[in-house]
Amino acid sequence: MHSIIPLSIIQVEILSETVESFVDNHKLLHVPDQRGEIVGLPLTSKALQFIHTVMKEKEVTEKQDVTVEVKSGDANGSSQVIITLCGASMQYEVELEEFDSM
């Protein structure tokens, strides 16, 4: 799955607060992509902190396209998530079955 989501720094801050409230379990974040379709993404607190830091460093004041690519799981069931924005990227692994769909 490959999604581009336009986010402002304020939206990233709100999403970070939301993710931090998921104390005991992970939930997919449902956000509109660039076409207006709602997509469920396994964004972690660290991933949102990365997006926020990049936006602050680049002094982004308007919405920025954030590319989120989720590559299907391997034999262990892990999926790889790759986030790219402003020329910076981050990747991490998740177990998609651990994420509730809100």
PDB file of N, CA and C in Angstrom:
ATOM      1  N   MET A   1       0.848  -1.174   0.000  1.00  0.00           N
ATOM      2  CA  MET A   1       0.000   0.000   0.000  1.00  0.00           C
ATOM      3  C   MET A   1       0.892   1.235   0.000  1.00  0.00           C
ATOM      4  N   HIS A   2       0.553   2.179  -0.824  1.00  0.00           N
ATOM      5  CA  HIS A   2       1.314   3.416  -0.964  1.00  0.00           C
ATOM      6  C   HIS A   2       0.329   4.578  -0.848  1.00  0.00           C
ATOM      7  N   SER A   3       0.529   5.447   0.134  1.00  0.00           N
ATOM      8  CA  SER A   3      -0.386   6.569   0.346  1.00  0.00           C
ATOM      9  C   SER A   3       0.393   7.860   0.494  1.00  0.00           C
ATOM     10  N   ILE A   4      -0.172   8.929  -0.019  1.00  0.00           N
ATOM     11  CA  ILE A   4       0.379  10.264   0.191  1.00  0.00           C
ATOM     12  C   ILE A   4      -0.667  11.042   0.975  1.00  0.00           C
ATOM     13  N   ILE A   5      -0.256  11.513   2.159  1.00  0.00           N
ATOM     14  CA  ILE A   5      -1.189  12.254   3.000  1.00  0.00           C
ATOM     15  C   ILE A   5      -0.645  13.656   3.238  1.00  0.00           C
ATOM     16  N   PRO A   6      -1.433  14.670   2.898  1.00  0.00           N
ATOM     17  CA  PRO A   6      -1.008  16.046   3.165  1.00  0.00           C
ATOM     18  C   PRO A   6      -1.276  16.397   4.629  1.00  0.00           C
ATOM     19  N   LEU A   7      -0.226  16.769   5.363  1.00  0.00           N
ATOM     20  CA  LEU A   7      -0.366  17.088   6.784  1.00  0.00           C
ATOM     21  C   LEU A   7       0.286  18.419   7.111  1.00  0.00           C
ATOM     22  N   SER A   8      -0.333  19.143   8.035  1.00  0.00           N
ATOM     23  CA  SER A   8       0.288  20.347   8.586  1.00  0.00           C
ATOM     24  C   SER A   8       0.951  19.957   9.900  1.00  0.00           C
ATOM     25  N   ILE A   9       1.807  20.814  10.403  1.00  0.00           N
ATOM     26  CA  ILE A   9       2.493  20.519  11.659  1.00  0.00           C
ATOM     27  C   ILE A   9       1.488  20.411  12.811  1.00  0.00           C
ATOM     28  N   ILE A  10       0.415  21.204  12.770  1.00  0.00           N
ATOM     29  CA  ILE A  10      -0.629  21.127  13.804  1.00  0.00           C
ATOM     30  C   ILE A  10      -1.324  19.764  13.751  1.00  0.00           C
ATOM     31  N   GLN A  11      -1.623  19.286  12.548  1.00  0.00           N
ATOM     32  CA  GLN A  11      -2.258  17.975  12.419  1.00  0.00           C
ATOM     33  C   GLN A  11      -1.349  16.868  12.960  1.00  0.00           C
ATOM     34  N   VAL A  12      -0.053  16.977  12.705  1.00  0.00           N
ATOM     35  CA  VAL A  12       0.900  15.986  13.210  1.00  0.00           C
ATOM     36  C   VAL A  12       0.902  15.996  14.737  1.00  0.00           C
ATOM     37  N   GLU A  13       0.859  17.183  15.330  1.00  0.00           N
ATOM     38  CA  GLU A  13       0.818  17.283  16.795  1.00  0.00           C
ATOM     39  C   GLU A  13      -0.438  16.618  17.358  1.00  0.00           C
ATOM     40  N   ILE A  14      -1.575  16.835  16.718  1.00  0.00           N
ATOM     41  CA  ILE A  14      -2.830  16.226  17.174  1.00  0.00           C
ATOM     42  C   ILE A  14      -2.775  14.708  17.018  1.00  0.00           C
ATOM     43  N   LEU A  15      -2.259  14.230  15.889  1.00  0.00           N
ATOM     44  CA  LEU A  15      -2.137  12.787  15.693  1.00  0.00           C
ATOM     45  C   LEU A  15      -1.199  12.168  16.725  1.00  0.00           C
ATOM     46  N   SER A  16      -0.123  12.875  17.063  1.00  0.00           N
ATOM     47  CA  SER A  16       0.817  12.377  18.079  1.00  0.00           C
ATOM     48  C   SER A  16       0.121  12.214  19.422  1.00  0.00           C
ATOM     49  N   GLU A  17      -0.669  13.212  19.805  1.00  0.00           N
ATOM     50  CA  GLU A  17      -1.416  13.126  21.066  1.00  0.00           C
ATOM     51  C   GLU A  17      -2.402  11.960  21.036  1.00  0.00           C
ATOM     52  N   THR A  18      -3.022  11.751  19.891  1.00  0.00           N
ATOM     53  CA  THR A  18      -3.973  10.652  19.749  1.00  0.00           C
ATOM     54  C   THR A  18      -3.277   9.311  19.927  1.00  0.00           C
ATOM     55  N   VAL A  19      -2.149   9.132  19.253  1.00  0.00           N
ATOM     56  CA  VAL A  19      -1.413   7.867  19.338  1.00  0.00           C
ATOM     57  C   VAL A  19      -0.925   7.620  20.759  1.00  0.00           C
ATOM     58  N   GLU A  20      -0.486   8.663  21.438  1.00  0.00           N
ATOM     59  CA  GLU A  20      -0.008   8.507  22.813  1.00  0.00           C
ATOM     60  C   GLU A  20      -1.134   8.086  23.762  1.00  0.00           C
ATOM     61  N   SER A  21      -2.383   8.351  23.387  1.00  0.00           N
ATOM     62  CA  SER A  21      -3.510   7.945  24.237  1.00  0.00           C
ATOM     63  C   SER A  21      -3.862   6.465  24.070  1.00  0.00           C
ATOM     64  N   PHE A  22      -3.291   5.809  23.070  1.00  0.00           N
ATOM     65  CA  PHE A  22      -3.514   4.377  22.864  1.00  0.00           C
ATOM     66  C   PHE A  22      -2.566   3.610  23.781  1.00  0.00           C
ATOM     67  N   VAL A  23      -2.874   3.586  25.057  1.00  0.00           N
ATOM     68  CA  VAL A  23      -1.954   3.075  26.070  1.00  0.00           C
ATOM     69  C   VAL A  23      -1.569   1.615  25.843  1.00  0.00           C
ATOM     70  N   ASP A  24      -2.543   0.737  25.757  1.00  0.00           N
ATOM     71  CA  ASP A  24      -2.250  -0.692  25.741  1.00  0.00           C
ATOM     72  C   ASP A  24      -2.275  -1.348  24.368  1.00  0.00           C
ATOM     73  N   ASN A  25      -2.762  -0.659  23.372  1.00  0.00           N
ATOM     74  CA  ASN A  25      -2.825  -1.300  22.063  1.00  0.00           C
ATOM     75  C   ASN A  25      -2.593  -0.283  20.956  1.00  0.00           C
ATOM     76  N   HIS A  26      -2.205  -0.803  19.823  1.00  0.00           N
ATOM     77  CA  HIS A  26      -1.976   0.039  18.648  1.00  0.00           C
ATOM     78  C   HIS A  26      -3.267   0.114  17.842  1.00  0.00           C
ATOM     79  N   LYS A  27      -3.491   1.250  17.237  1.00  0.00           N
ATOM     80  CA  LYS A  27      -4.642   1.417  16.358  1.00  0.00           C
ATOM     81  C   LYS A  27      -4.169   2.031  15.052  1.00  0.00           C
ATOM     82  N   LEU A  28      -4.796   1.615  13.970  1.00  0.00           N
ATOM     83  CA  LEU A  28      -4.514   2.249  12.690  1.00  0.00           C
ATOM     84  C   LEU A  28      -5.064   3.668  12.739  1.00  0.00           C
ATOM     85  N   LEU A  29      -4.291   4.617  12.248  1.00  0.00           N
ATOM     86  CA  LEU A  29      -4.789   5.992  12.149  1.00  0.00           C
ATOM     87  C   LEU A  29      -5.480   6.143  10.804  1.00  0.00           C
ATOM     88  N   HIS A  30      -6.719   6.569  10.829  1.00  0.00           N
ATOM     89  CA  HIS A  30      -7.484   6.763   9.600  1.00  0.00           C
ATOM     90  C   HIS A  30      -7.445   8.240   9.230  1.00  0.00           C
ATOM     91  N   VAL A  31      -6.778   8.521   8.122  1.00  0.00           N
ATOM     92  CA  VAL A  31      -6.597   9.895   7.661  1.00  0.00           C
ATOM     93  C   VAL A  31      -6.901   9.961   6.166  1.00  0.00           C
ATOM     94  N   PRO A  32      -7.313  11.133   5.677  1.00  0.00           N
ATOM     95  CA  PRO A  32      -7.562  11.261   4.238  1.00  0.00           C
ATOM     96  C   PRO A  32      -6.249  11.373   3.463  1.00  0.00           C
ATOM     97  N   ASP A  33      -6.191  10.672   2.325  1.00  0.00           N
ATOM     98  CA  ASP A  33      -5.016  10.801   1.471  1.00  0.00           C
ATOM     99  C   ASP A  33      -5.222  11.969   0.511  1.00  0.00           C
ATOM    100  N   GLN A  34      -4.305  12.136  -0.426  1.00  0.00           N
ATOM    101  CA  GLN A  34      -4.370  13.291  -1.329  1.00  0.00           C
ATOM    102  C   GLN A  34      -5.593  13.276  -2.239  1.00  0.00           C
ATOM    103  N   ARG A  35      -6.230  12.107  -2.407  1.00  0.00           N
ATOM    104  CA  ARG A  35      -7.444  12.015  -3.227  1.00  0.00           C
ATOM    105  C   ARG A  35      -8.707  12.151  -2.393  1.00  0.00           C
ATOM    106  N   GLY A  36      -8.542  12.287  -1.064  1.00  0.00           N
ATOM    107  CA  GLY A  36      -9.686  12.413  -0.182  1.00  0.00           C
ATOM    108  C   GLY A  36     -10.211  11.092   0.341  1.00  0.00           C
ATOM    109  N   GLU A  37      -9.579   9.986  -0.047  1.00  0.00           N
ATOM    110  CA  GLU A  37      -9.987   8.672   0.443  1.00  0.00           C
ATOM    111  C   GLU A  37      -9.390   8.436   1.826  1.00  0.00           C
ATOM    112  N   ILE A  38     -10.153   7.816   2.699  1.00  0.00           N
ATOM    113  CA  ILE A  38      -9.675   7.521   4.052  1.00  0.00           C
ATOM    114  C   ILE A  38      -8.832   6.248   4.013  1.00  0.00           C
ATOM    115  N   VAL A  39      -7.608   6.351   4.555  1.00  0.00           N
ATOM    116  CA  VAL A  39      -6.707   5.201   4.609  1.00  0.00           C
ATOM    117  C   VAL A  39      -6.313   4.946   6.060  1.00  0.00           C
ATOM    118  N   GLY A  40      -6.219   3.679   6.436  1.00  0.00           N
ATOM    119  CA  GLY A  40      -5.788   3.290   7.775  1.00  0.00           C
ATOM    120  C   GLY A  40      -4.304   2.976   7.748  1.00  0.00           C
ATOM    121  N   LEU A  41      -3.515   3.723   8.504  1.00  0.00           N
ATOM    122  CA  LEU A  41      -2.062   3.572   8.474  1.00  0.00           C
ATOM    123  C   LEU A  41      -1.514   3.228   9.854  1.00  0.00           C
ATOM    124  N   PRO A  42      -0.521   2.332   9.911  1.00  0.00           N
ATOM    125  CA  PRO A  42       0.087   1.958  11.188  1.00  0.00           C
ATOM    126  C   PRO A  42       1.186   2.944  11.588  1.00  0.00           C
ATOM    127  N   LEU A  43       0.788   4.167  11.911  1.00  0.00           N
ATOM    128  CA  LEU A  43       1.770   5.188  12.295  1.00  0.00           C
ATOM    129  C   LEU A  43       2.000   5.128  13.800  1.00  0.00           C
ATOM    130  N   THR A  44       3.252   4.986  14.178  1.00  0.00           N
ATOM    131  CA  THR A  44       3.615   4.904  15.595  1.00  0.00           C
ATOM    132  C   THR A  44       3.940   6.291  16.136  1.00  0.00           C
ATOM    133  N   SER A  45       4.066   6.372  17.432  1.00  0.00           N
ATOM    134  CA  SER A  45       4.438   7.628  18.076  1.00  0.00           C
ATOM    135  C   SER A  45       5.795   8.112  17.568  1.00  0.00           C
ATOM    136  N   LYS A  46       6.751   7.191  17.430  1.00  0.00           N
ATOM    137  CA  LYS A  46       8.082   7.564  16.930  1.00  0.00           C
ATOM    138  C   LYS A  46       8.015   8.068  15.496  1.00  0.00           C
ATOM    139  N   ALA A  47       7.152   7.464  14.681  1.00  0.00           N
ATOM    140  CA  ALA A  47       7.009   7.902  13.295  1.00  0.00           C
ATOM    141  C   ALA A  47       6.452   9.323  13.235  1.00  0.00           C
ATOM    142  N   LEU A  48       5.454   9.611  14.060  1.00  0.00           N
ATOM    143  CA  LEU A  48       4.877  10.955  14.083  1.00  0.00           C
ATOM    144  C   LEU A  48       5.867  11.971  14.642  1.00  0.00           C
ATOM    145  N   GLN A  49       6.685  11.560  15.604  1.00  0.00           N
ATOM    146  CA  GLN A  49       7.735  12.451  16.117  1.00  0.00           C
ATOM    147  C   GLN A  49       8.740  12.768  15.016  1.00  0.00           C
ATOM    148  N   PHE A  50       9.079  11.761  14.202  1.00  0.00           N
ATOM    149  CA  PHE A  50       9.986  11.969  13.071  1.00  0.00           C
ATOM    150  C   PHE A  50       9.396  12.991  12.097  1.00  0.00           C
ATOM    151  N   ILE A  51       8.128  12.821  11.728  1.00  0.00           N
ATOM    152  CA  ILE A  51       7.468  13.749  10.802  1.00  0.00           C
ATOM    153  C   ILE A  51       7.476  15.158  11.385  1.00  0.00           C
ATOM    154  N   HIS A  52       7.141  15.282  12.656  1.00  0.00           N
ATOM    155  CA  HIS A  52       7.107  16.586  13.319  1.00  0.00           C
ATOM    156  C   HIS A  52       8.495  17.232  13.317  1.00  0.00           C
ATOM    157  N   THR A  53       9.518  16.469  13.648  1.00  0.00           N
ATOM    158  CA  THR A  53      10.890  16.995  13.688  1.00  0.00           C
ATOM    159  C   THR A  53      11.337  17.481  12.317  1.00  0.00           C
ATOM    160  N   VAL A  54      11.071  16.705  11.280  1.00  0.00           N
ATOM    161  CA  VAL A  54      11.451  17.110   9.919  1.00  0.00           C
ATOM    162  C   VAL A  54      10.743  18.399   9.540  1.00  0.00           C
ATOM    163  N   MET A  55       9.452  18.497   9.847  1.00  0.00           N
ATOM    164  CA  MET A  55       8.703  19.712   9.512  1.00  0.00           C
ATOM    165  C   MET A  55       9.260  20.926  10.251  1.00  0.00           C
ATOM    166  N   LYS A  56       9.622  20.753  11.524  1.00  0.00           N
ATOM    167  CA  LYS A  56      10.188  21.874  12.288  1.00  0.00           C
ATOM    168  C   LYS A  56      11.547  22.280  11.733  1.00  0.00           C
ATOM    169  N   GLU A  57      12.396  21.287  11.418  1.00  0.00           N
ATOM    170  CA  GLU A  57      13.729  21.581  10.893  1.00  0.00           C
ATOM    171  C   GLU A  57      13.654  22.293   9.547  1.00  0.00           C
ATOM    172  N   LYS A  58      12.692  21.896   8.723  1.00  0.00           N
ATOM    173  CA  LYS A  58      12.535  22.502   7.390  1.00  0.00           C
ATOM    174  C   LYS A  58      11.666  23.759   7.444  1.00  0.00           C
ATOM    175  N   GLU A  59      11.195  24.103   8.652  1.00  0.00           N
ATOM    176  CA  GLU A  59      10.345  25.277   8.858  1.00  0.00           C
ATOM    177  C   GLU A  59       9.131  25.270   7.932  1.00  0.00           C
ATOM    178  N   VAL A  60       8.496  24.112   7.864  1.00  0.00           N
ATOM    179  CA  VAL A  60       7.306  23.942   7.034  1.00  0.00           C
ATOM    180  C   VAL A  60       6.127  24.624   7.727  1.00  0.00           C
ATOM    181  N   THR A  61       5.469  25.532   7.021  1.00  0.00           N
ATOM    182  CA  THR A  61       4.329  26.243   7.603  1.00  0.00           C
ATOM    183  C   THR A  61       3.001  25.822   6.970  1.00  0.00           C
ATOM    184  N   GLU A  62       3.056  25.194   5.807  1.00  0.00           N
ATOM    185  CA  GLU A  62       1.845  24.746   5.129  1.00  0.00           C
ATOM    186  C   GLU A  62       1.817  23.226   5.095  1.00  0.00           C
ATOM    187  N   LYS A  63       0.716  22.670   4.631  1.00  0.00           N
ATOM    188  CA  LYS A  63       0.623  21.216   4.539  1.00  0.00           C
ATOM    189  C   LYS A  63       1.743  20.672   3.662  1.00  0.00           C
ATOM    190  N   GLN A  64       2.264  19.549   4.081  1.00  0.00           N
ATOM    191  CA  GLN A  64       3.356  18.892   3.381  1.00  0.00           C
ATOM    192  C   GLN A  64       2.904  17.482   3.023  1.00  0.00           C
ATOM    193  N   ASP A  65       3.190  17.044   1.798  1.00  0.00           N
ATOM    194  CA  ASP A  65       2.852  15.676   1.425  1.00  0.00           C
ATOM    195  C   ASP A  65       3.788  14.707   2.135  1.00  0.00           C
ATOM    196  N   VAL A  66       3.208  13.773   2.851  1.00  0.00           N
ATOM    197  CA  VAL A  66       3.954  12.732   3.554  1.00  0.00           C
ATOM    198  C   VAL A  66       3.622  11.412   2.860  1.00  0.00           C
ATOM    199  N   THR A  67       4.647  10.747   2.344  1.00  0.00           N
ATOM    200  CA  THR A  67       4.447   9.469   1.675  1.00  0.00           C
ATOM    201  C   THR A  67       4.618   8.348   2.690  1.00  0.00           C
ATOM    202  N   VAL A  68       3.622   7.483   2.762  1.00  0.00           N
ATOM    203  CA  VAL A  68       3.669   6.331   3.663  1.00  0.00           C
ATOM    204  C   VAL A  68       3.484   5.081   2.807  1.00  0.00           C
ATOM    205  N   GLU A  69       4.487   4.225   2.836  1.00  0.00           N
ATOM    206  CA  GLU A  69       4.424   2.975   2.082  1.00  0.00           C
ATOM    207  C   GLU A  69       4.481   1.815   3.069  1.00  0.00           C
ATOM    208  N   VAL A  70       3.527   0.911   2.944  1.00  0.00           N
ATOM    209  CA  VAL A  70       3.500  -0.278   3.795  1.00  0.00           C
ATOM    210  C   VAL A  70       3.738  -1.478   2.889  1.00  0.00           C
ATOM    211  N   LYS A  71       4.869  -2.152   3.118  1.00  0.00           N
ATOM    212  CA  LYS A  71       5.214  -3.330   2.319  1.00  0.00           C
ATOM    213  C   LYS A  71       4.757  -4.572   3.062  1.00  0.00           C
ATOM    214  N   SER A  72       4.121  -5.451   2.333  1.00  0.00           N
ATOM    215  CA  SER A  72       3.533  -6.661   2.913  1.00  0.00           C
ATOM    216  C   SER A  72       4.498  -7.433   3.779  1.00  0.00           C
ATOM    217  N   GLY A  73       3.895  -8.163   4.699  1.00  0.00           N
ATOM    218  CA  GLY A  73       4.655  -8.906   5.691  1.00  0.00           C
ATOM    219  C   GLY A  73       5.570  -9.970   5.127  1.00  0.00           C
ATOM    220  N   ASP A  74       6.596 -10.269   5.902  1.00  0.00           N
ATOM    221  CA  ASP A  74       7.513 -11.346   5.562  1.00  0.00           C
ATOM    222  C   ASP A  74       7.005 -12.644   6.190  1.00  0.00           C
ATOM    223  N   ALA A  75       7.839 -13.658   6.220  1.00  0.00           N
ATOM    224  CA  ALA A  75       7.441 -14.954   6.777  1.00  0.00           C
ATOM    225  C   ALA A  75       7.054 -14.850   8.253  1.00  0.00           C
ATOM    226  N   ASN A  76       7.626 -13.877   8.960  1.00  0.00           N
ATOM    227  CA  ASN A  76       7.318 -13.686  10.377  1.00  0.00           C
ATOM    228  C   ASN A  76       6.065 -12.852  10.601  1.00  0.00           C
ATOM    229  N   GLY A  77       5.468 -12.331   9.532  1.00  0.00           N
ATOM    230  CA  GLY A  77       4.280 -11.501   9.658  1.00  0.00           C
ATOM    231  C   GLY A  77       4.566 -10.026   9.818  1.00  0.00           C
ATOM    232  N   SER A  78       5.841  -9.650   9.801  1.00  0.00           N
ATOM    233  CA  SER A  78       6.203  -8.234   9.933  1.00  0.00           C
ATOM    234  C   SER A  78       6.015  -7.515   8.610  1.00  0.00           C
ATOM    235  N   SER A  79       5.509  -6.297   8.686  1.00  0.00           N
ATOM    236  CA  SER A  79       5.400  -5.436   7.515  1.00  0.00           C
ATOM    237  C   SER A  79       6.333  -4.258   7.713  1.00  0.00           C
ATOM    238  N   GLN A  80       6.865  -3.756   6.620  1.00  0.00           N
ATOM    239  CA  GLN A  80       7.776  -2.627   6.690  1.00  0.00           C
ATOM    240  C   GLN A  80       7.024  -1.348   6.333  1.00  0.00           C
ATOM    241  N   VAL A  81       7.211  -0.313   7.137  1.00  0.00           N
ATOM    242  CA  VAL A  81       6.593   0.989   6.896  1.00  0.00           C
ATOM    243  C   VAL A  81       7.712   1.967   6.566  1.00  0.00           C
ATOM    244  N   ILE A  82       7.566   2.669   5.439  1.00  0.00           N
ATOM    245  CA  ILE A  82       8.559   3.656   5.017  1.00  0.00           C
ATOM    246  C   ILE A  82       7.857   5.000   4.902  1.00  0.00           C
ATOM    247  N   ILE A  83       8.376   5.988   5.618  1.00  0.00           N
ATOM    248  CA  ILE A  83       7.814   7.340   5.611  1.00  0.00           C
ATOM    249  C   ILE A  83       8.827   8.266   4.955  1.00  0.00           C
ATOM    250  N   THR A  84       8.355   9.088   4.016  1.00  0.00           N
ATOM    251  CA  THR A  84       9.232  10.026   3.323  1.00  0.00           C
ATOM    252  C   THR A  84       8.569  11.393   3.255  1.00  0.00           C
ATOM    253  N   LEU A  85       9.342  12.435   3.582  1.00  0.00           N
ATOM    254  CA  LEU A  85       8.901  13.815   3.401  1.00  0.00           C
ATOM    255  C   LEU A  85      10.107  14.730   3.395  1.00  0.00           C
ATOM    256  N   CYS A  86      10.034  15.779   2.612  1.00  0.00           N
ATOM    257  CA  CYS A  86      11.082  16.810   2.541  1.00  0.00           C
ATOM    258  C   CYS A  86      12.473  16.208   2.328  1.00  0.00           C
ATOM    259  N   GLY A  87      12.571  15.114   1.587  1.00  0.00           N
ATOM    260  CA  GLY A  87      13.865  14.500   1.318  1.00  0.00           C
ATOM    261  C   GLY A  87      14.397  13.626   2.440  1.00  0.00           C
ATOM    262  N   ALA A  88      13.663  13.488   3.536  1.00  0.00           N
ATOM    263  CA  ALA A  88      14.083  12.641   4.655  1.00  0.00           C
ATOM    264  C   ALA A  88      13.186  11.407   4.693  1.00  0.00           C
ATOM    265  N   SER A  89      13.729  10.306   5.210  1.00  0.00           N
ATOM    266  CA  SER A  89      12.903   9.107   5.311  1.00  0.00           C
ATOM    267  C   SER A  89      13.216   8.326   6.579  1.00  0.00           C
ATOM    268  N   MET A  90      12.260   7.509   6.948  1.00  0.00           N
ATOM    269  CA  MET A  90      12.359   6.652   8.126  1.00  0.00           C
ATOM    270  C   MET A  90      11.664   5.348   7.784  1.00  0.00           C
ATOM    271  N   GLN A  91      12.185   4.257   8.300  1.00  0.00           N
ATOM    272  CA  GLN A  91      11.477   2.991   8.117  1.00  0.00           C
ATOM    273  C   GLN A  91      11.498   2.190   9.408  1.00  0.00           C
ATOM    274  N   TYR A  92      10.450   1.409   9.583  1.00  0.00           N
ATOM    275  CA  TYR A  92      10.328   0.569  10.769  1.00  0.00           C
ATOM    276  C   TYR A  92       9.433  -0.609  10.432  1.00  0.00           C
ATOM    277  N   GLU A  93       9.472  -1.619  11.284  1.00  0.00           N
ATOM    278  CA  GLU A  93       8.646  -2.802  11.085  1.00  0.00           C
ATOM    279  C   GLU A  93       7.499  -2.821  12.088  1.00  0.00           C
ATOM    280  N   VAL A  94       6.379  -3.338  11.631  1.00  0.00           N
ATOM    281  CA  VAL A  94       5.212  -3.497  12.501  1.00  0.00           C
ATOM    282  C   VAL A  94       4.588  -4.864  12.249  1.00  0.00           C
ATOM    283  N   GLU A  95       3.857  -5.316  13.230  1.00  0.00           N
ATOM    284  CA  GLU A  95       3.014  -6.504  13.086  1.00  0.00           C
ATOM    285  C   GLU A  95       1.600  -5.965  12.875  1.00  0.00           C
ATOM    286  N   LEU A  96       1.125  -5.964  11.638  1.00  0.00           N
ATOM    287  CA  LEU A  96      -0.172  -5.349  11.336  1.00  0.00           C
ATOM    288  C   LEU A  96      -1.319  -5.955  12.139  1.00  0.00           C
ATOM    289  N   GLU A  97      -1.232  -7.245  12.451  1.00  0.00           N
ATOM    290  CA  GLU A  97      -2.328  -7.863  13.204  1.00  0.00           C
ATOM    291  C   GLU A  97      -2.412  -7.335  14.633  1.00  0.00           C
ATOM    292  N   GLU A  98      -1.369  -6.634  15.102  1.00  0.00           N
ATOM    293  CA  GLU A  98      -1.402  -6.031  16.439  1.00  0.00           C
ATOM    294  C   GLU A  98      -2.151  -4.698  16.459  1.00  0.00           C
ATOM    295  N   PHE A  99      -2.489  -4.175  15.283  1.00  0.00           N
ATOM    296  CA  PHE A  99      -3.160  -2.882  15.181  1.00  0.00           C
ATOM    297  C   PHE A  99      -4.662  -3.081  15.043  1.00  0.00           C
ATOM    298  N   ASP A 100      -5.430  -2.476  15.948  1.00  0.00           N
ATOM    299  CA  ASP A 100      -6.884  -2.468  15.837  1.00  0.00           C
ATOM    300  C   ASP A 100      -7.259  -1.404  14.816  1.00  0.00           C
ATOM    301  N   SER A 101      -8.416  -1.539  14.206  1.00  0.00           N
ATOM    302  CA  SER A 101      -8.790  -0.580  13.168  1.00  0.00           C
ATOM    303  C   SER A 101      -9.692   0.544  13.654  1.00  0.00           C
ATOM    304  N   MET A 102      -9.759   0.827  14.933  1.00  0.00           N
ATOM    305  CA  MET A 102     -10.569   1.911  15.517  1.00  0.00           C
ATOM    306  C   MET A 102     -11.996   1.758  15.080  1.00  0.00           C
TER     307      MET A 102
END
